[in-house]
Amino acid sequence: MPKAAKEVQKTLHGFIKVTTSTKVKKTTSAQSTSSLSTDATQVESSELQISSTDLNAEELPTELDATVAVQLQTLEQDTMGKSWYNALKGEFEMDYFHKLKAFLEGELKQHTVYPPLNNVYSWSRFTPLNSVKVVILGQDPYHNVGQAHGLSFSVLPPTKPPGSLKNIYKQMIDDVPSFSAPKHGDLTALAKLGVLWLNTSLTVRAHKAGSHSGKGWETFTAKALKAVVSRPGSNGVVFMAWGLPAQKTCEKIGIDRKKHLVLKSAHPSPLSAHRGFLGNNHFKLANEWLREKYGEGAEIDWAVLSRSES
């Protein structure tokens, strides 16, 4: 089997799970400015099962190429949360976004790409636009097997928390008396409470950090951040900008410091956490600010991760 065919087949079986039809089933709860309530979204997929016995080596690339192209064409409509889709749909017709999609199609046909396509926009389903209270910026998705699933810094079980996330947990322990570090690294529970875990680049080639940077994702995610800061009737949100790239992103989108709180520090990576991340009190400061802006009970329940162990 040609190398390209093996790469694409591996992507399908282990990580991307290409679908012939994908539906997004949404249930929306009533929202208000003060409560910043959330909606829930579930993705249901009918998987295209392909094995080496289904198609021979000559047929495999052609079949998979067609499937990848079709899935990419409707990816936003099929997998993005409704509130974000409506806010960002103008971007899908922009020239830079068409070029980004063409780049992704080429990558998917030749390499393994993370996260799986149905999770590229998972942040938009777990944290609807009107529910965002805190934005935590990442740079690149994790690029190793079984890690990235669409939320910055987050990994799904059974993958153990990476070094950066372990340091995030250490700071949460200092800031939140009721918090104890979970063994898992899944941050979905916090996303559902209004924490937007957003990478500035939403995809990456396997085992090659930064490989999809500068291809258009940064322009798109900057628009997503601008949608947050420009929400009508909002009293503002908290931005946690860890590391110089995240801080530069905040500067570029023009955040009104009188309306929003921007917390800066070193990145939680083991290489830099001791140069200003550990001891930054960001989770405590965020809750104090949210309480002041929105009233008692508006804080993020960071300890929900401890209770999600079971």
C-alpha atoms as a PDB file:
ATOM      1  CA  MET A   1       0.000   0.000   0.000  1.00  0.00           C
ATOM      2  CA  PRO A   2       1.448   3.435  -0.913  1.00  0.00           C
ATOM      3  CA  LYS A   3       2.649   5.585   1.992  1.00  0.00           C
ATOM      4  CA  ALA A   4      -0.078   8.195   1.420  1.00  0.00           C
ATOM      5  CA  ALA A   5      -2.766   5.546   1.539  1.00  0.00           C
ATOM      6  CA  LYS A   6      -1.394   4.130   4.780  1.00  0.00           C
ATOM      7  CA  GLU A   7      -1.316   7.567   6.379  1.00  0.00           C
ATOM      8  CA  VAL A   8      -4.902   8.355   5.447  1.00  0.00           C
ATOM      9  CA  GLN A   9      -6.169   4.935   6.479  1.00  0.00           C
ATOM     10  CA  LYS A  10      -4.435   5.309   9.844  1.00  0.00           C
ATOM     11  CA  THR A  11      -6.021   8.725  10.264  1.00  0.00           C
ATOM     12  CA  LEU A  12      -9.462   7.337   9.590  1.00  0.00           C
ATOM     13  CA  HIS A  13      -9.191   4.292  11.824  1.00  0.00           C
ATOM     14  CA  GLY A  14      -7.505   5.806  14.818  1.00  0.00           C
ATOM     15  CA  PHE A  15      -8.218   9.503  14.956  1.00  0.00           C
ATOM     16  CA  ILE A  16     -10.367  11.302  12.376  1.00  0.00           C
ATOM     17  CA  LYS A  17     -13.193   8.759  11.971  1.00  0.00           C
ATOM     18  CA  VAL A  18     -14.416  10.245   8.713  1.00  0.00           C
ATOM     19  CA  THR A  19     -18.196  10.343   8.500  1.00  0.00           C
ATOM     20  CA  THR A  20     -20.535  10.062   5.590  1.00  0.00           C
ATOM     21  CA  SER A  21     -23.143  12.077   7.409  1.00  0.00           C
ATOM     22  CA  THR A  22     -22.814  14.196  10.515  1.00  0.00           C
ATOM     23  CA  LYS A  23     -25.569  15.823  12.478  1.00  0.00           C
ATOM     24  CA  VAL A  24     -25.340  18.289  15.261  1.00  0.00           C
ATOM     25  CA  LYS A  25     -28.195  17.970  17.683  1.00  0.00           C
ATOM     26  CA  LYS A  26     -28.576  21.070  19.828  1.00  0.00           C
ATOM     27  CA  THR A  27     -30.649  21.824  22.845  1.00  0.00           C
ATOM     28  CA  THR A  28     -30.645  25.433  23.908  1.00  0.00           C
ATOM     29  CA  SER A  29     -31.514  26.760  27.309  1.00  0.00           C
ATOM     30  CA  ALA A  30     -32.748  30.261  27.975  1.00  0.00           C
ATOM     31  CA  GLN A  31     -29.930  32.772  28.261  1.00  0.00           C
ATOM     32  CA  SER A  32     -29.601  36.088  30.052  1.00  0.00           C
ATOM     33  CA  THR A  33     -26.792  38.587  30.444  1.00  0.00           C
ATOM     34  CA  SER A  34     -26.589  38.170  34.178  1.00  0.00           C
ATOM     35  CA  SER A  35     -26.603  34.398  34.347  1.00  0.00           C
ATOM     36  CA  LEU A  36     -24.657  33.721  31.130  1.00  0.00           C
ATOM     37  CA  SER A  37     -26.384  30.333  30.808  1.00  0.00           C
ATOM     38  CA  THR A  38     -25.110  27.650  28.491  1.00  0.00           C
ATOM     39  CA  ASP A  39     -26.515  25.403  25.815  1.00  0.00           C
ATOM     40  CA  ALA A  40     -25.613  21.801  25.255  1.00  0.00           C
ATOM     41  CA  THR A  41     -24.648  20.236  21.987  1.00  0.00           C
ATOM     42  CA  GLN A  42     -24.216  16.669  20.951  1.00  0.00           C
ATOM     43  CA  VAL A  43     -22.666  15.390  17.776  1.00  0.00           C
ATOM     44  CA  GLU A  44     -24.010  12.227  16.274  1.00  0.00           C
ATOM     45  CA  SER A  45     -21.999  10.550  13.541  1.00  0.00           C
ATOM     46  CA  SER A  46     -22.591   7.693  11.164  1.00  0.00           C
ATOM     47  CA  GLU A  47     -19.099   6.377  10.573  1.00  0.00           C
ATOM     48  CA  LEU A  48     -17.719   5.233   7.266  1.00  0.00           C
ATOM     49  CA  GLN A  49     -16.014   1.941   8.066  1.00  0.00           C
ATOM     50  CA  ILE A  50     -13.005   1.291   5.839  1.00  0.00           C
ATOM     51  CA  SER A  51     -10.418  -1.433   6.273  1.00  0.00           C
ATOM     52  CA  SER A  52      -7.691  -2.879   4.100  1.00  0.00           C
ATOM     53  CA  THR A  53     -10.063  -5.630   3.027  1.00  0.00           C
ATOM     54  CA  ASP A  54     -12.790  -3.173   1.959  1.00  0.00           C
ATOM     55  CA  LEU A  55     -10.697  -1.375  -0.644  1.00  0.00           C
ATOM     56  CA  ASN A  56      -7.515  -2.324  -2.411  1.00  0.00           C
ATOM     57  CA  ALA A  57      -4.468  -0.036  -2.374  1.00  0.00           C
ATOM     58  CA  GLU A  58      -5.268   1.532  -5.749  1.00  0.00           C
ATOM     59  CA  GLU A  59      -8.846   2.401  -4.769  1.00  0.00           C
ATOM     60  CA  LEU A  60      -8.149   3.648  -1.252  1.00  0.00           C
ATOM     61  CA  PRO A  61      -6.672   7.103  -1.946  1.00  0.00           C
ATOM     62  CA  THR A  62      -9.421   8.047  -4.419  1.00  0.00           C
ATOM     63  CA  GLU A  63     -12.229   7.005  -2.087  1.00  0.00           C
ATOM     64  CA  LEU A  64     -10.710   8.693   0.934  1.00  0.00           C
ATOM     65  CA  ASP A  65      -9.752  11.853  -0.939  1.00  0.00           C
ATOM     66  CA  ALA A  66     -13.394  12.320  -1.923  1.00  0.00           C
ATOM     67  CA  THR A  67     -14.620  11.711   1.621  1.00  0.00           C
ATOM     68  CA  VAL A  68     -12.154  14.169   3.164  1.00  0.00           C
ATOM     69  CA  ALA A  69     -13.139  16.881   0.685  1.00  0.00           C
ATOM     70  CA  VAL A  70     -16.848  16.399   1.367  1.00  0.00           C
ATOM     71  CA  GLN A  71     -16.411  16.457   5.120  1.00  0.00           C
ATOM     72  CA  LEU A  72     -14.305  19.606   5.036  1.00  0.00           C
ATOM     73  CA  GLN A  73     -16.831  21.348   2.818  1.00  0.00           C
ATOM     74  CA  THR A  74     -19.563  21.204   5.474  1.00  0.00           C
ATOM     75  CA  LEU A  75     -17.434  20.905   8.617  1.00  0.00           C
ATOM     76  CA  GLU A  76     -18.555  24.189  10.165  1.00  0.00           C
ATOM     77  CA  GLN A  77     -22.232  23.652   9.416  1.00  0.00           C
ATOM     78  CA  ASP A  78     -22.110  20.089  10.725  1.00  0.00           C
ATOM     79  CA  THR A  79     -19.962  20.433  13.840  1.00  0.00           C
ATOM     80  CA  MET A  80     -19.902  24.039  15.044  1.00  0.00           C
ATOM     81  CA  GLY A  81     -22.144  25.305  17.836  1.00  0.00           C
ATOM     82  CA  LYS A  82     -25.021  27.388  16.478  1.00  0.00           C
ATOM     83  CA  SER A  83     -24.180  30.624  18.288  1.00  0.00           C
ATOM     84  CA  TRP A  84     -20.607  30.597  17.032  1.00  0.00           C
ATOM     85  CA  TYR A  85     -21.620  29.534  13.546  1.00  0.00           C
ATOM     86  CA  ASN A  86     -23.975  32.496  13.260  1.00  0.00           C
ATOM     87  CA  ALA A  87     -21.334  34.892  14.571  1.00  0.00           C
ATOM     88  CA  LEU A  88     -18.548  33.628  12.293  1.00  0.00           C
ATOM     89  CA  LYS A  89     -20.314  32.459   9.138  1.00  0.00           C
ATOM     90  CA  GLY A  90     -19.079  35.480   7.205  1.00  0.00           C
ATOM     91  CA  GLU A  91     -15.528  34.167   7.617  1.00  0.00           C
ATOM     92  CA  PHE A  92     -16.307  30.947   5.766  1.00  0.00           C
ATOM     93  CA  GLU A  93     -16.565  32.854   2.474  1.00  0.00           C
ATOM     94  CA  MET A  94     -13.330  34.782   2.913  1.00  0.00           C
ATOM     95  CA  ASP A  95     -10.368  34.045   0.675  1.00  0.00           C
ATOM     96  CA  TYR A  96      -8.059  33.179   3.595  1.00  0.00           C
ATOM     97  CA  PHE A  97     -10.543  30.575   4.839  1.00  0.00           C
ATOM     98  CA  HIS A  98     -10.801  28.902   1.427  1.00  0.00           C
ATOM     99  CA  LYS A  99      -7.007  28.702   1.321  1.00  0.00           C
ATOM    100  CA  LEU A 100      -6.990  27.246   4.837  1.00  0.00           C
ATOM    101  CA  LYS A 101      -9.454  24.554   3.812  1.00  0.00           C
ATOM    102  CA  ALA A 102      -7.376  23.699   0.732  1.00  0.00           C
ATOM    103  CA  PHE A 103      -4.313  23.369   2.938  1.00  0.00           C
ATOM    104  CA  LEU A 104      -6.167  21.123   5.384  1.00  0.00           C
ATOM    105  CA  GLU A 105      -7.417  18.901   2.584  1.00  0.00           C
ATOM    106  CA  GLY A 106      -3.862  18.354   1.388  1.00  0.00           C
ATOM    107  CA  GLU A 107      -2.652  17.648   4.924  1.00  0.00           C
ATOM    108  CA  LEU A 108      -5.432  15.157   5.639  1.00  0.00           C
ATOM    109  CA  LYS A 109      -4.694  13.235   2.455  1.00  0.00           C
ATOM    110  CA  GLN A 110      -1.006  12.866   3.272  1.00  0.00           C
ATOM    111  CA  HIS A 111      -0.687  12.959   7.052  1.00  0.00           C
ATOM    112  CA  THR A 112      -2.387  12.292  10.358  1.00  0.00           C
ATOM    113  CA  VAL A 113      -3.956  15.499  11.685  1.00  0.00           C
ATOM    114  CA  TYR A 114      -5.116  16.320  15.211  1.00  0.00           C
ATOM    115  CA  PRO A 115      -7.636  16.764  16.653  1.00  0.00           C
ATOM    116  CA  PRO A 116     -10.142  14.505  14.868  1.00  0.00           C
ATOM    117  CA  LEU A 117     -12.186  16.646  12.477  1.00  0.00           C
ATOM    118  CA  ASN A 118     -15.380  16.293  14.491  1.00  0.00           C
ATOM    119  CA  ASN A 119     -13.544  17.877  17.448  1.00  0.00           C
ATOM    120  CA  VAL A 120     -11.880  20.809  15.704  1.00  0.00           C
ATOM    121  CA  TYR A 121     -14.763  23.025  16.829  1.00  0.00           C
ATOM    122  CA  SER A 122     -15.687  21.241  20.063  1.00  0.00           C
ATOM    123  CA  TRP A 123     -14.928  24.461  22.000  1.00  0.00           C
ATOM    124  CA  SER A 124     -17.853  26.097  20.185  1.00  0.00           C
ATOM    125  CA  ARG A 125     -20.284  23.373  21.227  1.00  0.00           C
ATOM    126  CA  PHE A 126     -19.284  23.164  24.881  1.00  0.00           C
ATOM    127  CA  THR A 127     -19.074  26.943  25.410  1.00  0.00           C
ATOM    128  CA  PRO A 128     -21.716  28.882  23.450  1.00  0.00           C
ATOM    129  CA  LEU A 129     -20.833  32.491  22.631  1.00  0.00           C
ATOM    130  CA  ASN A 130     -23.255  34.070  25.101  1.00  0.00           C
ATOM    131  CA  SER A 131     -22.052  31.863  27.952  1.00  0.00           C
ATOM    132  CA  VAL A 132     -18.350  32.818  27.836  1.00  0.00           C
ATOM    133  CA  LYS A 133     -17.077  34.150  31.163  1.00  0.00           C
ATOM    134  CA  VAL A 134     -13.379  33.288  30.946  1.00  0.00           C
ATOM    135  CA  VAL A 135     -11.131  32.863  27.893  1.00  0.00           C
ATOM    136  CA  ILE A 136      -7.964  30.778  28.280  1.00  0.00           C
ATOM    137  CA  LEU A 137      -5.766  30.960  25.203  1.00  0.00           C
ATOM    138  CA  GLY A 138      -3.526  28.204  23.937  1.00  0.00           C
ATOM    139  CA  GLN A 139      -1.358  28.118  20.839  1.00  0.00           C
ATOM    140  CA  ASP A 140      -1.235  24.720  19.139  1.00  0.00           C
ATOM    141  CA  PRO A 141      -3.225  21.536  19.723  1.00  0.00           C
ATOM    142  CA  TYR A 142      -1.288  18.682  21.302  1.00  0.00           C
ATOM    143  CA  HIS A 143       0.369  16.776  18.467  1.00  0.00           C
ATOM    144  CA  ASN A 144       0.763  13.261  19.870  1.00  0.00           C
ATOM    145  CA  VAL A 145      -1.593  10.279  19.796  1.00  0.00           C
ATOM    146  CA  GLY A 146      -4.747  10.458  21.904  1.00  0.00           C
ATOM    147  CA  GLN A 147      -4.273  14.010  23.176  1.00  0.00           C
ATOM    148  CA  ALA A 148      -5.987  16.877  21.344  1.00  0.00           C
ATOM    149  CA  HIS A 149      -9.785  17.032  21.326  1.00  0.00           C
ATOM    150  CA  GLY A 150     -10.488  20.681  20.549  1.00  0.00           C
ATOM    151  CA  LEU A 151     -10.006  22.381  23.935  1.00  0.00           C
ATOM    152  CA  SER A 152      -6.713  24.089  24.740  1.00  0.00           C
ATOM    153  CA  PHE A 153      -4.640  22.304  27.410  1.00  0.00           C
ATOM    154  CA  SER A 154      -7.222  19.491  27.686  1.00  0.00           C
ATOM    155  CA  VAL A 155      -6.781  15.756  27.037  1.00  0.00           C
ATOM    156  CA  LEU A 156      -9.281  12.924  27.214  1.00  0.00           C
ATOM    157  CA  PRO A 157      -8.874   9.781  29.359  1.00  0.00           C
ATOM    158  CA  PRO A 158      -6.937   7.556  29.477  1.00  0.00           C
ATOM    159  CA  THR A 159      -4.263  10.100  28.490  1.00  0.00           C
ATOM    160  CA  LYS A 160      -2.657  11.534  31.604  1.00  0.00           C
ATOM    161  CA  PRO A 161      -2.442  15.326  32.102  1.00  0.00           C
ATOM    162  CA  PRO A 162       0.586  16.791  30.281  1.00  0.00           C
ATOM    163  CA  GLY A 163       3.097  18.969  32.121  1.00  0.00           C
ATOM    164  CA  SER A 164       1.384  22.273  31.369  1.00  0.00           C
ATOM    165  CA  LEU A 165      -1.939  21.004  32.668  1.00  0.00           C
ATOM    166  CA  LYS A 166      -0.317  19.618  35.803  1.00  0.00           C
ATOM    167  CA  ASN A 167       0.979  23.117  36.532  1.00  0.00           C
ATOM    168  CA  ILE A 168      -2.480  24.567  35.878  1.00  0.00           C
ATOM    169  CA  TYR A 169      -3.821  22.144  38.470  1.00  0.00           C
ATOM    170  CA  LYS A 170      -1.101  23.223  40.918  1.00  0.00           C
ATOM    171  CA  GLN A 171      -2.210  26.839  40.630  1.00  0.00           C
ATOM    172  CA  MET A 172      -5.863  25.872  40.996  1.00  0.00           C
ATOM    173  CA  ILE A 173      -4.980  24.100  44.241  1.00  0.00           C
ATOM    174  CA  ASP A 174      -3.436  27.316  45.562  1.00  0.00           C
ATOM    175  CA  ASP A 175      -6.348  29.502  44.411  1.00  0.00           C
ATOM    176  CA  VAL A 176      -9.342  27.297  45.208  1.00  0.00           C
ATOM    177  CA  PRO A 177      -9.504  25.640  48.662  1.00  0.00           C
ATOM    178  CA  SER A 178     -12.015  23.016  47.520  1.00  0.00           C
ATOM    179  CA  PHE A 179      -9.981  21.994  44.463  1.00  0.00           C
ATOM    180  CA  SER A 180      -7.937  18.819  44.334  1.00  0.00           C
ATOM    181  CA  ALA A 181      -6.079  17.787  41.193  1.00  0.00           C
ATOM    182  CA  PRO A 182      -7.938  15.085  39.250  1.00  0.00           C
ATOM    183  CA  LYS A 183      -6.084  12.224  37.648  1.00  0.00           C
ATOM    184  CA  HIS A 184      -7.662  12.981  34.284  1.00  0.00           C
ATOM    185  CA  GLY A 185      -7.004  15.951  32.018  1.00  0.00           C
ATOM    186  CA  ASP A 186     -10.470  16.493  30.554  1.00  0.00           C
ATOM    187  CA  LEU A 187     -11.470  20.158  30.942  1.00  0.00           C
ATOM    188  CA  THR A 188     -14.911  19.759  29.349  1.00  0.00           C
ATOM    189  CA  ALA A 189     -16.732  20.304  32.649  1.00  0.00           C
ATOM    190  CA  LEU A 190     -15.217  23.777  32.938  1.00  0.00           C
ATOM    191  CA  ALA A 191     -15.980  24.530  29.284  1.00  0.00           C
ATOM    192  CA  LYS A 192     -19.650  23.895  30.024  1.00  0.00           C
ATOM    193  CA  LEU A 193     -19.480  26.452  32.853  1.00  0.00           C
ATOM    194  CA  GLY A 194     -18.312  29.236  30.542  1.00  0.00           C
ATOM    195  CA  VAL A 195     -14.542  28.748  30.245  1.00  0.00           C
ATOM    196  CA  LEU A 196     -13.525  29.053  26.590  1.00  0.00           C
ATOM    197  CA  TRP A 197     -10.424  26.893  26.120  1.00  0.00           C
ATOM    198  CA  LEU A 198      -9.323  28.171  22.708  1.00  0.00           C
ATOM    199  CA  ASN A 199      -6.162  27.483  20.737  1.00  0.00           C
ATOM    200  CA  THR A 200      -5.168  30.149  18.218  1.00  0.00           C
ATOM    201  CA  SER A 201      -4.379  27.366  15.724  1.00  0.00           C
ATOM    202  CA  LEU A 202      -7.072  24.691  15.662  1.00  0.00           C
ATOM    203  CA  THR A 203      -5.244  21.807  13.946  1.00  0.00           C
ATOM    204  CA  VAL A 204      -1.741  20.349  13.756  1.00  0.00           C
ATOM    205  CA  ARG A 205       0.094  17.617  11.863  1.00  0.00           C
ATOM    206  CA  ALA A 206       0.948  14.629  14.027  1.00  0.00           C
ATOM    207  CA  HIS A 207       4.260  14.942  15.870  1.00  0.00           C
ATOM    208  CA  LYS A 208       5.068  18.316  14.296  1.00  0.00           C
ATOM    209  CA  ALA A 209       4.335  21.258  16.594  1.00  0.00           C
ATOM    210  CA  GLY A 210       3.366  24.497  14.879  1.00  0.00           C
ATOM    211  CA  SER A 211       2.892  22.810  11.505  1.00  0.00           C
ATOM    212  CA  HIS A 212      -0.495  24.468  10.878  1.00  0.00           C
ATOM    213  CA  SER A 213       0.445  27.878  12.242  1.00  0.00           C
ATOM    214  CA  GLY A 214       0.343  30.787   9.823  1.00  0.00           C
ATOM    215  CA  LYS A 215      -2.151  29.032   7.535  1.00  0.00           C
ATOM    216  CA  GLY A 216      -5.232  31.048   8.472  1.00  0.00           C
ATOM    217  CA  TRP A 217      -6.387  29.693  11.809  1.00  0.00           C
ATOM    218  CA  GLU A 218      -4.990  32.691  13.701  1.00  0.00           C
ATOM    219  CA  THR A 219      -7.120  35.053  11.619  1.00  0.00           C
ATOM    220  CA  PHE A 220     -10.210  32.943  12.256  1.00  0.00           C
ATOM    221  CA  THR A 221      -9.718  32.558  16.011  1.00  0.00           C
ATOM    222  CA  ALA A 222      -8.988  36.291  16.309  1.00  0.00           C
ATOM    223  CA  LYS A 223     -12.448  36.864  14.830  1.00  0.00           C
ATOM    224  CA  ALA A 224     -13.868  34.470  17.425  1.00  0.00           C
ATOM    225  CA  LEU A 225     -12.224  36.472  20.199  1.00  0.00           C
ATOM    226  CA  LYS A 226     -13.530  39.722  18.730  1.00  0.00           C
ATOM    227  CA  ALA A 227     -17.017  38.205  18.783  1.00  0.00           C
ATOM    228  CA  VAL A 228     -16.571  37.659  22.530  1.00  0.00           C
ATOM    229  CA  VAL A 229     -15.413  41.185  23.355  1.00  0.00           C
ATOM    230  CA  SER A 230     -18.123  42.784  21.216  1.00  0.00           C
ATOM    231  CA  ARG A 231     -21.126  40.896  22.604  1.00  0.00           C
ATOM    232  CA  PRO A 232     -23.990  43.360  23.105  1.00  0.00           C
ATOM    233  CA  GLY A 233     -25.075  43.873  26.705  1.00  0.00           C
ATOM    234  CA  SER A 234     -22.085  42.040  28.197  1.00  0.00           C
ATOM    235  CA  ASN A 235     -20.223  43.441  31.194  1.00  0.00           C
ATOM    236  CA  GLY A 236     -17.056  41.790  30.013  1.00  0.00           C
ATOM    237  CA  VAL A 237     -15.038  38.596  30.426  1.00  0.00           C
ATOM    238  CA  VAL A 238     -11.708  37.488  31.882  1.00  0.00           C
ATOM    239  CA  PHE A 239      -8.818  36.735  29.518  1.00  0.00           C
ATOM    240  CA  MET A 240      -5.950  34.589  30.761  1.00  0.00           C
ATOM    241  CA  ALA A 241      -2.956  35.240  28.529  1.00  0.00           C
ATOM    242  CA  TRP A 242      -0.154  32.851  29.438  1.00  0.00           C
ATOM    243  CA  GLY A 243       3.053  33.412  27.514  1.00  0.00           C
ATOM    244  CA  LEU A 244       4.064  36.029  24.968  1.00  0.00           C
ATOM    245  CA  PRO A 245       2.085  34.628  21.981  1.00  0.00           C
ATOM    246  CA  ALA A 246      -1.192  34.714  23.937  1.00  0.00           C
ATOM    247  CA  GLN A 247      -0.423  38.214  25.163  1.00  0.00           C
ATOM    248  CA  LYS A 248       0.277  39.416  21.631  1.00  0.00           C
ATOM    249  CA  THR A 249      -3.031  37.918  20.492  1.00  0.00           C
ATOM    250  CA  CYS A 250      -4.877  39.900  23.159  1.00  0.00           C
ATOM    251  CA  GLU A 251      -3.121  43.069  22.062  1.00  0.00           C
ATOM    252  CA  LYS A 252      -4.015  42.534  18.402  1.00  0.00           C
ATOM    253  CA  ILE A 253      -7.741  42.132  18.975  1.00  0.00           C
ATOM    254  CA  GLY A 254      -7.954  45.373  20.928  1.00  0.00           C
ATOM    255  CA  ILE A 255      -9.472  44.405  24.264  1.00  0.00           C
ATOM    256  CA  ASP A 256     -11.114  47.238  26.191  1.00  0.00           C
ATOM    257  CA  ARG A 257      -9.373  47.010  29.585  1.00  0.00           C
ATOM    258  CA  LYS A 258     -12.127  49.060  31.229  1.00  0.00           C
ATOM    259  CA  LYS A 259     -14.684  46.428  30.274  1.00  0.00           C
ATOM    260  CA  HIS A 260     -12.652  43.205  30.372  1.00  0.00           C
ATOM    261  CA  LEU A 261      -9.984  41.815  32.687  1.00  0.00           C
ATOM    262  CA  VAL A 262      -6.728  40.631  31.080  1.00  0.00           C
ATOM    263  CA  LEU A 263      -4.510  38.503  33.318  1.00  0.00           C
ATOM    264  CA  LYS A 264      -0.946  37.946  32.062  1.00  0.00           C
ATOM    265  CA  SER A 265       1.807  35.629  33.200  1.00  0.00           C
ATOM    266  CA  ALA A 266       4.384  33.150  31.978  1.00  0.00           C
ATOM    267  CA  HIS A 267       3.163  30.005  30.236  1.00  0.00           C
ATOM    268  CA  PRO A 268       2.363  26.945  32.427  1.00  0.00           C
ATOM    269  CA  SER A 269       4.850  24.803  30.483  1.00  0.00           C
ATOM    270  CA  PRO A 270       7.361  23.033  32.753  1.00  0.00           C
ATOM    271  CA  LEU A 271      10.018  25.123  30.991  1.00  0.00           C
ATOM    272  CA  SER A 272       8.529  28.442  32.107  1.00  0.00           C
ATOM    273  CA  ALA A 273       5.965  27.887  34.875  1.00  0.00           C
ATOM    274  CA  HIS A 274       8.435  28.838  37.619  1.00  0.00           C
ATOM    275  CA  ARG A 275       9.106  32.168  35.904  1.00  0.00           C
ATOM    276  CA  GLY A 276       5.742  33.644  36.800  1.00  0.00           C
ATOM    277  CA  PHE A 277       2.899  31.217  36.142  1.00  0.00           C
ATOM    278  CA  LEU A 278       2.974  29.439  39.482  1.00  0.00           C
ATOM    279  CA  GLY A 279       1.817  31.960  42.047  1.00  0.00           C
ATOM    280  CA  ASN A 280      -0.088  34.171  39.562  1.00  0.00           C
ATOM    281  CA  ASN A 281      -3.418  33.658  41.419  1.00  0.00           C
ATOM    282  CA  HIS A 282      -5.318  33.887  38.120  1.00  0.00           C
ATOM    283  CA  PHE A 283      -8.175  31.571  39.054  1.00  0.00           C
ATOM    284  CA  LYS A 284      -8.784  33.415  42.307  1.00  0.00           C
ATOM    285  CA  LEU A 285      -8.540  36.824  40.623  1.00  0.00           C
ATOM    286  CA  ALA A 286     -10.927  35.743  37.870  1.00  0.00           C
ATOM    287  CA  ASN A 287     -13.596  34.717  40.360  1.00  0.00           C
ATOM    288  CA  GLU A 288     -13.218  37.909  42.365  1.00  0.00           C
ATOM    289  CA  TRP A 289     -13.701  39.978  39.217  1.00  0.00           C
ATOM    290  CA  LEU A 290     -16.681  37.924  38.014  1.00  0.00           C
ATOM    291  CA  ARG A 291     -18.348  38.247  41.416  1.00  0.00           C
ATOM    292  CA  GLU A 292     -17.879  42.009  41.348  1.00  0.00           C
ATOM    293  CA  LYS A 293     -19.199  42.330  37.788  1.00  0.00           C
ATOM    294  CA  TYR A 294     -22.069  39.844  37.825  1.00  0.00           C
ATOM    295  CA  GLY A 295     -22.867  39.267  41.484  1.00  0.00           C
ATOM    296  CA  GLU A 296     -22.595  36.401  43.925  1.00  0.00           C
ATOM    297  CA  GLY A 297     -22.740  32.999  42.222  1.00  0.00           C
ATOM    298  CA  ALA A 298     -21.260  34.199  38.921  1.00  0.00           C
ATOM    299  CA  GLU A 299     -17.865  32.691  39.715  1.00  0.00           C
ATOM    300  CA  ILE A 300     -16.416  29.678  37.902  1.00  0.00           C
ATOM    301  CA  ASP A 301     -16.654  26.496  39.958  1.00  0.00           C
ATOM    302  CA  TRP A 302     -13.102  25.351  39.235  1.00  0.00           C
ATOM    303  CA  ALA A 303     -13.523  22.471  41.685  1.00  0.00           C
ATOM    304  CA  VAL A 304     -16.014  20.818  39.331  1.00  0.00           C
ATOM    305  CA  LEU A 305     -13.003  18.987  37.885  1.00  0.00           C
ATOM    306  CA  SER A 306     -12.330  17.372  41.251  1.00  0.00           C
ATOM    307  CA  ARG A 307     -15.899  16.132  41.460  1.00  0.00           C
ATOM    308  CA  SER A 308     -15.834  14.827  37.874  1.00  0.00           C
ATOM    309  CA  GLU A 309     -13.426  12.055  38.867  1.00  0.00           C
ATOM    310  CA  SER A 310     -16.350   9.746  39.447  1.00  0.00           C
END
